[in-house]
Amino acid sequence: SEERKKHDVVIVPIISPYRQSRREARKSLIPDFYEIYFSASLDCVKQRDVKGLYAESANGSINNLIGVSSTNPYQPPESPDFIINTEKESIQQSVENLFCFTMICLKVNHAKQMKKRE
């Protein structure tokens, strides 16, 4: 994409509940795509729910909520490039882990580019 050409790193924070969508994103952006899985249990996510979606789902106001509905399950990544467990890590630790992983990816990509130039 145009943004990738302008910047070393573009972080796209999206909720991507389906494996097929993630596969398609990876395929279209390879070799510069890294899937980072921010992991938390459903109970933890419900506790953090500032919009009240899980409460609305429980009382029947919302149908087919991803991860709650048996017809619309969340599909965890099968092999993400990196996992950040937000249930066990503080926000600060999660940010530091994301930063470190990003720096490693930049160094690896830079080394690959230098090797191509040789």
N, C-alpha and C. Protein backbone atom coordinates (compact mmCIF):
# COMPACT_ATOMS: atom_id res chain seq x y z
N SER A 1 0.83 -1.19 0.00
CA SER A 1 0.00 0.00 0.00
C SER A 1 0.87 1.25 0.00
N GLU A 2 0.24 2.37 -0.20
CA GLU A 2 0.95 3.64 -0.25
C GLU A 2 1.59 3.97 1.10
N GLU A 3 0.90 3.64 2.19
CA GLU A 3 1.44 3.93 3.53
C GLU A 3 2.71 3.14 3.80
N ARG A 4 2.74 1.89 3.35
CA ARG A 4 3.93 1.07 3.57
C ARG A 4 5.14 1.67 2.88
N LYS A 5 4.96 2.30 1.76
CA LYS A 5 6.07 2.90 1.03
C LYS A 5 6.63 4.12 1.76
N LYS A 6 5.78 4.81 2.51
CA LYS A 6 6.19 6.05 3.17
C LYS A 6 6.84 5.81 4.53
N HIS A 7 6.53 4.69 5.18
CA HIS A 7 6.95 4.48 6.56
C HIS A 7 7.64 3.13 6.72
N ASP A 8 8.49 3.05 7.74
CA ASP A 8 9.12 1.78 8.07
C ASP A 8 8.11 0.80 8.66
N VAL A 9 7.19 1.33 9.46
CA VAL A 9 6.23 0.47 10.16
C VAL A 9 4.85 1.10 10.10
N VAL A 10 3.87 0.30 9.79
CA VAL A 10 2.48 0.71 9.88
C VAL A 10 1.80 -0.33 10.76
N ILE A 11 1.25 0.11 11.88
CA ILE A 11 0.53 -0.79 12.78
C ILE A 11 -0.95 -0.56 12.55
N VAL A 12 -1.64 -1.64 12.21
CA VAL A 12 -3.07 -1.56 11.93
C VAL A 12 -3.81 -2.35 13.01
N PRO A 13 -4.39 -1.64 13.97
CA PRO A 13 -5.10 -2.33 15.05
C PRO A 13 -6.54 -2.66 14.64
N ILE A 14 -6.77 -3.91 14.35
CA ILE A 14 -8.12 -4.31 13.96
C ILE A 14 -8.54 -5.54 14.74
N ILE A 15 -9.83 -5.64 14.94
CA ILE A 15 -10.39 -6.86 15.50
C ILE A 15 -10.66 -7.75 14.31
N SER A 16 -9.98 -8.85 14.29
CA SER A 16 -10.09 -9.76 13.15
C SER A 16 -10.45 -11.15 13.68
N PRO A 17 -11.72 -11.42 13.84
CA PRO A 17 -12.14 -12.65 14.51
C PRO A 17 -12.05 -13.92 13.66
N TYR A 18 -11.81 -13.77 12.36
CA TYR A 18 -11.87 -14.94 11.48
C TYR A 18 -10.51 -15.25 10.87
N ARG A 19 -10.12 -16.51 10.93
CA ARG A 19 -8.82 -16.94 10.40
C ARG A 19 -8.67 -16.63 8.92
N GLN A 20 -9.73 -16.83 8.16
CA GLN A 20 -9.63 -16.60 6.72
C GLN A 20 -9.29 -15.14 6.41
N SER A 21 -9.88 -14.21 7.13
CA SER A 21 -9.57 -12.78 6.94
C SER A 21 -8.10 -12.50 7.23
N ARG A 22 -7.59 -13.12 8.29
CA ARG A 22 -6.18 -12.92 8.64
C ARG A 22 -5.27 -13.54 7.59
N ARG A 23 -5.64 -14.71 7.08
CA ARG A 23 -4.84 -15.35 6.01
C ARG A 23 -4.78 -14.44 4.78
N GLU A 24 -5.91 -13.86 4.41
CA GLU A 24 -5.95 -12.98 3.24
C GLU A 24 -5.09 -11.73 3.45
N ALA A 25 -5.15 -11.17 4.65
CA ALA A 25 -4.33 -9.99 4.94
C ALA A 25 -2.85 -10.35 4.86
N ARG A 26 -2.48 -11.48 5.43
CA ARG A 26 -1.08 -11.92 5.39
C ARG A 26 -0.62 -12.11 3.95
N LYS A 27 -1.46 -12.79 3.17
CA LYS A 27 -1.11 -13.09 1.78
C LYS A 27 -0.90 -11.80 0.97
N SER A 28 -1.73 -10.80 1.21
CA SER A 28 -1.64 -9.57 0.43
C SER A 28 -0.47 -8.68 0.85
N LEU A 29 0.05 -8.89 2.06
CA LEU A 29 1.12 -8.02 2.56
C LEU A 29 2.47 -8.72 2.73
N ILE A 30 2.54 -10.01 2.46
CA ILE A 30 3.80 -10.74 2.60
C ILE A 30 4.85 -10.07 1.74
N PRO A 31 6.08 -9.91 2.16
CA PRO A 31 6.70 -10.47 3.36
C PRO A 31 6.68 -9.52 4.55
N ASP A 32 5.98 -8.43 4.45
CA ASP A 32 6.02 -7.39 5.48
C ASP A 32 4.84 -7.41 6.43
N PHE A 33 4.30 -8.57 6.69
CA PHE A 33 3.13 -8.69 7.55
C PHE A 33 3.51 -9.49 8.79
N TYR A 34 3.16 -8.96 9.94
CA TYR A 34 3.37 -9.67 11.20
C TYR A 34 2.05 -9.66 11.96
N GLU A 35 1.59 -10.84 12.30
CA GLU A 35 0.34 -10.95 13.05
C GLU A 35 0.67 -10.98 14.54
N ILE A 36 0.13 -10.02 15.26
CA ILE A 36 0.33 -9.94 16.70
C ILE A 36 -1.01 -10.21 17.36
N TYR A 37 -1.02 -11.20 18.22
CA TYR A 37 -2.25 -11.63 18.88
C TYR A 37 -2.26 -11.07 20.30
N PHE A 38 -3.21 -10.20 20.58
CA PHE A 38 -3.41 -9.69 21.92
C PHE A 38 -4.41 -10.62 22.61
N SER A 39 -3.90 -11.45 23.47
CA SER A 39 -4.68 -12.54 24.05
C SER A 39 -5.28 -12.15 25.41
N ALA A 40 -6.53 -12.57 25.61
CA ALA A 40 -7.21 -12.44 26.91
C ALA A 40 -8.39 -13.40 26.89
N SER A 41 -8.72 -13.93 28.05
CA SER A 41 -9.86 -14.85 28.13
C SER A 41 -11.16 -14.08 27.92
N LEU A 42 -12.21 -14.82 27.59
CA LEU A 42 -13.52 -14.19 27.40
C LEU A 42 -13.98 -13.51 28.69
N ASP A 43 -13.73 -14.14 29.83
CA ASP A 43 -14.11 -13.52 31.11
C ASP A 43 -13.40 -12.18 31.31
N CYS A 44 -12.13 -12.13 30.97
CA CYS A 44 -11.36 -10.88 31.10
C CYS A 44 -11.91 -9.82 30.15
N VAL A 45 -12.21 -10.21 28.93
CA VAL A 45 -12.75 -9.27 27.94
C VAL A 45 -14.10 -8.74 28.41
N LYS A 46 -14.93 -9.60 28.99
CA LYS A 46 -16.23 -9.16 29.51
C LYS A 46 -16.05 -8.13 30.62
N GLN A 47 -15.07 -8.33 31.49
CA GLN A 47 -14.82 -7.38 32.57
C GLN A 47 -14.37 -6.02 32.04
N ARG A 48 -13.68 -6.02 30.93
CA ARG A 48 -13.16 -4.78 30.34
C ARG A 48 -14.17 -4.08 29.43
N ASP A 49 -15.30 -4.68 29.20
CA ASP A 49 -16.28 -4.22 28.21
C ASP A 49 -16.90 -2.88 28.60
N VAL A 50 -16.31 -1.79 28.10
CA VAL A 50 -16.81 -0.45 28.43
C VAL A 50 -18.08 -0.09 27.68
N LYS A 51 -18.36 -0.80 26.58
CA LYS A 51 -19.56 -0.51 25.79
C LYS A 51 -20.78 -1.29 26.26
N GLY A 52 -20.59 -2.28 27.11
CA GLY A 52 -21.71 -3.07 27.60
C GLY A 52 -22.25 -4.08 26.61
N LEU A 53 -21.47 -4.43 25.60
CA LEU A 53 -21.94 -5.36 24.57
C LEU A 53 -22.21 -6.76 25.12
N TYR A 54 -21.36 -7.21 26.03
CA TYR A 54 -21.55 -8.56 26.57
C TYR A 54 -22.78 -8.63 27.47
N ALA A 55 -23.05 -7.57 28.21
CA ALA A 55 -24.26 -7.52 29.03
C ALA A 55 -25.49 -7.51 28.13
N GLU A 56 -25.43 -6.75 27.04
CA GLU A 56 -26.55 -6.71 26.10
C GLU A 56 -26.75 -8.07 25.44
N SER A 57 -25.66 -8.75 25.15
CA SER A 57 -25.77 -10.08 24.56
C SER A 57 -26.40 -11.06 25.55
N ALA A 58 -26.00 -10.95 26.81
CA ALA A 58 -26.53 -11.84 27.84
C ALA A 58 -28.03 -11.64 28.05
N ASN A 59 -28.51 -10.39 27.92
CA ASN A 59 -29.95 -10.17 28.12
C ASN A 59 -30.75 -10.27 26.83
N GLY A 60 -30.08 -10.62 25.73
CA GLY A 60 -30.78 -10.85 24.47
C GLY A 60 -30.94 -9.64 23.57
N SER A 61 -30.41 -8.49 23.98
CA SER A 61 -30.52 -7.29 23.14
C SER A 61 -29.65 -7.36 21.89
N ILE A 62 -28.54 -8.08 22.01
CA ILE A 62 -27.64 -8.26 20.86
C ILE A 62 -27.56 -9.74 20.55
N ASN A 63 -27.77 -10.07 19.30
CA ASN A 63 -27.64 -11.46 18.86
C ASN A 63 -26.35 -11.63 18.09
N ASN A 64 -25.81 -12.82 18.13
CA ASN A 64 -24.69 -13.20 17.27
C ASN A 64 -23.40 -12.44 17.58
N LEU A 65 -23.18 -12.08 18.86
CA LEU A 65 -21.96 -11.38 19.24
C LEU A 65 -20.76 -12.31 19.07
N ILE A 66 -19.75 -11.84 18.38
CA ILE A 66 -18.56 -12.65 18.11
C ILE A 66 -17.95 -13.13 19.42
N GLY A 67 -17.67 -14.41 19.47
CA GLY A 67 -17.03 -15.00 20.63
C GLY A 67 -18.00 -15.48 21.69
N VAL A 68 -19.24 -15.06 21.60
CA VAL A 68 -20.26 -15.47 22.57
C VAL A 68 -21.27 -16.40 21.90
N SER A 69 -21.70 -16.02 20.72
CA SER A 69 -22.68 -16.79 19.97
C SER A 69 -22.05 -18.08 19.45
N SER A 70 -22.78 -19.18 19.57
CA SER A 70 -22.28 -20.46 19.05
C SER A 70 -22.20 -20.45 17.53
N THR A 71 -22.96 -19.58 16.90
CA THR A 71 -22.92 -19.50 15.43
C THR A 71 -21.88 -18.50 14.92
N ASN A 72 -21.23 -17.77 15.84
CA ASN A 72 -20.25 -16.76 15.44
C ASN A 72 -19.05 -16.78 16.39
N PRO A 73 -18.33 -17.92 16.43
CA PRO A 73 -17.23 -18.02 17.39
C PRO A 73 -16.01 -17.20 16.98
N TYR A 74 -15.27 -16.75 17.97
CA TYR A 74 -13.98 -16.11 17.70
C TYR A 74 -12.99 -17.22 17.36
N GLN A 75 -12.22 -17.03 16.31
CA GLN A 75 -11.24 -18.03 15.89
C GLN A 75 -9.84 -17.51 16.21
N PRO A 76 -9.25 -17.99 17.31
CA PRO A 76 -7.91 -17.51 17.67
C PRO A 76 -6.90 -17.83 16.57
N PRO A 77 -5.87 -17.03 16.45
CA PRO A 77 -4.85 -17.30 15.43
C PRO A 77 -4.20 -18.66 15.66
N GLU A 78 -3.88 -19.33 14.56
CA GLU A 78 -3.23 -20.63 14.66
C GLU A 78 -1.73 -20.49 14.87
N SER A 79 -1.14 -19.49 14.25
CA SER A 79 0.32 -19.31 14.40
C SER A 79 0.68 -17.83 14.24
N PRO A 80 0.31 -17.02 15.24
CA PRO A 80 0.66 -15.60 15.16
C PRO A 80 2.18 -15.44 15.26
N ASP A 81 2.67 -14.33 14.77
CA ASP A 81 4.10 -14.06 14.84
C ASP A 81 4.53 -13.68 16.25
N PHE A 82 3.59 -13.13 17.02
CA PHE A 82 3.91 -12.71 18.38
C PHE A 82 2.61 -12.69 19.19
N ILE A 83 2.70 -13.04 20.46
CA ILE A 83 1.53 -13.03 21.34
C ILE A 83 1.81 -12.10 22.52
N ILE A 84 0.85 -11.25 22.80
CA ILE A 84 0.89 -10.39 23.97
C ILE A 84 -0.30 -10.76 24.83
N ASN A 85 -0.03 -11.29 26.01
CA ASN A 85 -1.09 -11.74 26.90
C ASN A 85 -1.52 -10.58 27.80
N THR A 86 -2.53 -9.85 27.36
CA THR A 86 -2.96 -8.66 28.09
C THR A 86 -3.67 -8.98 29.39
N GLU A 87 -4.04 -10.23 29.57
CA GLU A 87 -4.67 -10.63 30.83
C GLU A 87 -3.63 -10.74 31.94
N LYS A 88 -2.43 -11.15 31.58
CA LYS A 88 -1.38 -11.37 32.58
C LYS A 88 -0.37 -10.24 32.65
N GLU A 89 -0.29 -9.43 31.60
CA GLU A 89 0.69 -8.35 31.55
C GLU A 89 0.02 -7.01 31.82
N SER A 90 0.77 -6.11 32.41
CA SER A 90 0.26 -4.75 32.59
C SER A 90 0.23 -4.06 31.22
N ILE A 91 -0.46 -2.94 31.16
CA ILE A 91 -0.47 -2.16 29.92
C ILE A 91 0.96 -1.77 29.56
N GLN A 92 1.72 -1.32 30.55
CA GLN A 92 3.11 -0.91 30.31
C GLN A 92 3.93 -2.06 29.74
N GLN A 93 3.80 -3.25 30.32
CA GLN A 93 4.56 -4.41 29.84
C GLN A 93 4.12 -4.80 28.42
N SER A 94 2.83 -4.73 28.16
CA SER A 94 2.33 -5.04 26.81
C SER A 94 2.90 -4.07 25.78
N VAL A 95 2.94 -2.79 26.12
CA VAL A 95 3.49 -1.78 25.21
C VAL A 95 4.98 -2.03 24.98
N GLU A 96 5.70 -2.33 26.04
CA GLU A 96 7.13 -2.61 25.91
C GLU A 96 7.38 -3.84 25.04
N ASN A 97 6.58 -4.87 25.23
CA ASN A 97 6.72 -6.09 24.42
C ASN A 97 6.43 -5.80 22.94
N LEU A 98 5.39 -5.02 22.67
CA LEU A 98 5.08 -4.65 21.29
C LEU A 98 6.23 -3.85 20.68
N PHE A 99 6.76 -2.91 21.44
CA PHE A 99 7.88 -2.10 20.96
C PHE A 99 9.09 -2.97 20.65
N CYS A 100 9.44 -3.87 21.57
CA CYS A 100 10.60 -4.74 21.36
C CYS A 100 10.42 -5.62 20.13
N PHE A 101 9.24 -6.20 19.98
CA PHE A 101 8.98 -7.04 18.81
C PHE A 101 9.09 -6.22 17.53
N THR A 102 8.56 -5.02 17.53
CA THR A 102 8.63 -4.14 16.36
C THR A 102 10.09 -3.82 16.02
N MET A 103 10.89 -3.54 17.03
CA MET A 103 12.30 -3.23 16.79
C MET A 103 13.03 -4.44 16.21
N ILE A 104 12.74 -5.62 16.70
CA ILE A 104 13.35 -6.84 16.16
C ILE A 104 12.98 -7.00 14.69
N CYS A 105 11.71 -6.81 14.37
CA CYS A 105 11.26 -6.93 12.98
C CYS A 105 11.95 -5.92 12.08
N LEU A 106 12.11 -4.70 12.57
CA LEU A 106 12.80 -3.67 11.78
C LEU A 106 14.25 -4.06 11.52
N LYS A 107 14.91 -4.60 12.53
CA LYS A 107 16.31 -5.00 12.36
C LYS A 107 16.43 -6.15 11.37
N VAL A 108 15.54 -7.11 11.47
CA VAL A 108 15.55 -8.25 10.54
C VAL A 108 15.30 -7.76 9.12
N ASN A 109 14.30 -6.91 8.95
CA ASN A 109 13.98 -6.38 7.61
C ASN A 109 15.14 -5.54 7.05
N HIS A 110 15.76 -4.76 7.91
CA HIS A 110 16.91 -3.95 7.48
C HIS A 110 18.05 -4.86 7.03
N ALA A 111 18.32 -5.91 7.78
CA ALA A 111 19.38 -6.85 7.42
C ALA A 111 19.08 -7.52 6.08
N LYS A 112 17.83 -7.87 5.85
CA LYS A 112 17.44 -8.48 4.57
C LYS A 112 17.67 -7.52 3.42
N GLN A 113 17.31 -6.25 3.62
CA GLN A 113 17.50 -5.25 2.57
C GLN A 113 18.98 -5.03 2.27
N MET A 114 19.80 -5.02 3.30
CA MET A 114 21.23 -4.84 3.11
C MET A 114 21.83 -6.03 2.35
N LYS A 115 21.35 -7.21 2.66
CA LYS A 115 21.83 -8.42 1.99
C LYS A 115 21.47 -8.39 0.50
N LYS A 116 20.28 -7.89 0.19
CA LYS A 116 19.84 -7.79 -1.21
C LYS A 116 20.75 -6.85 -2.00
N ARG A 117 21.24 -5.82 -1.34
CA ARG A 117 22.08 -4.81 -2.02
C ARG A 117 23.48 -5.34 -2.32
N GLU A 118 23.92 -6.36 -1.58
CA GLU A 118 25.28 -6.90 -1.78
C GLU A 118 25.43 -7.62 -3.08
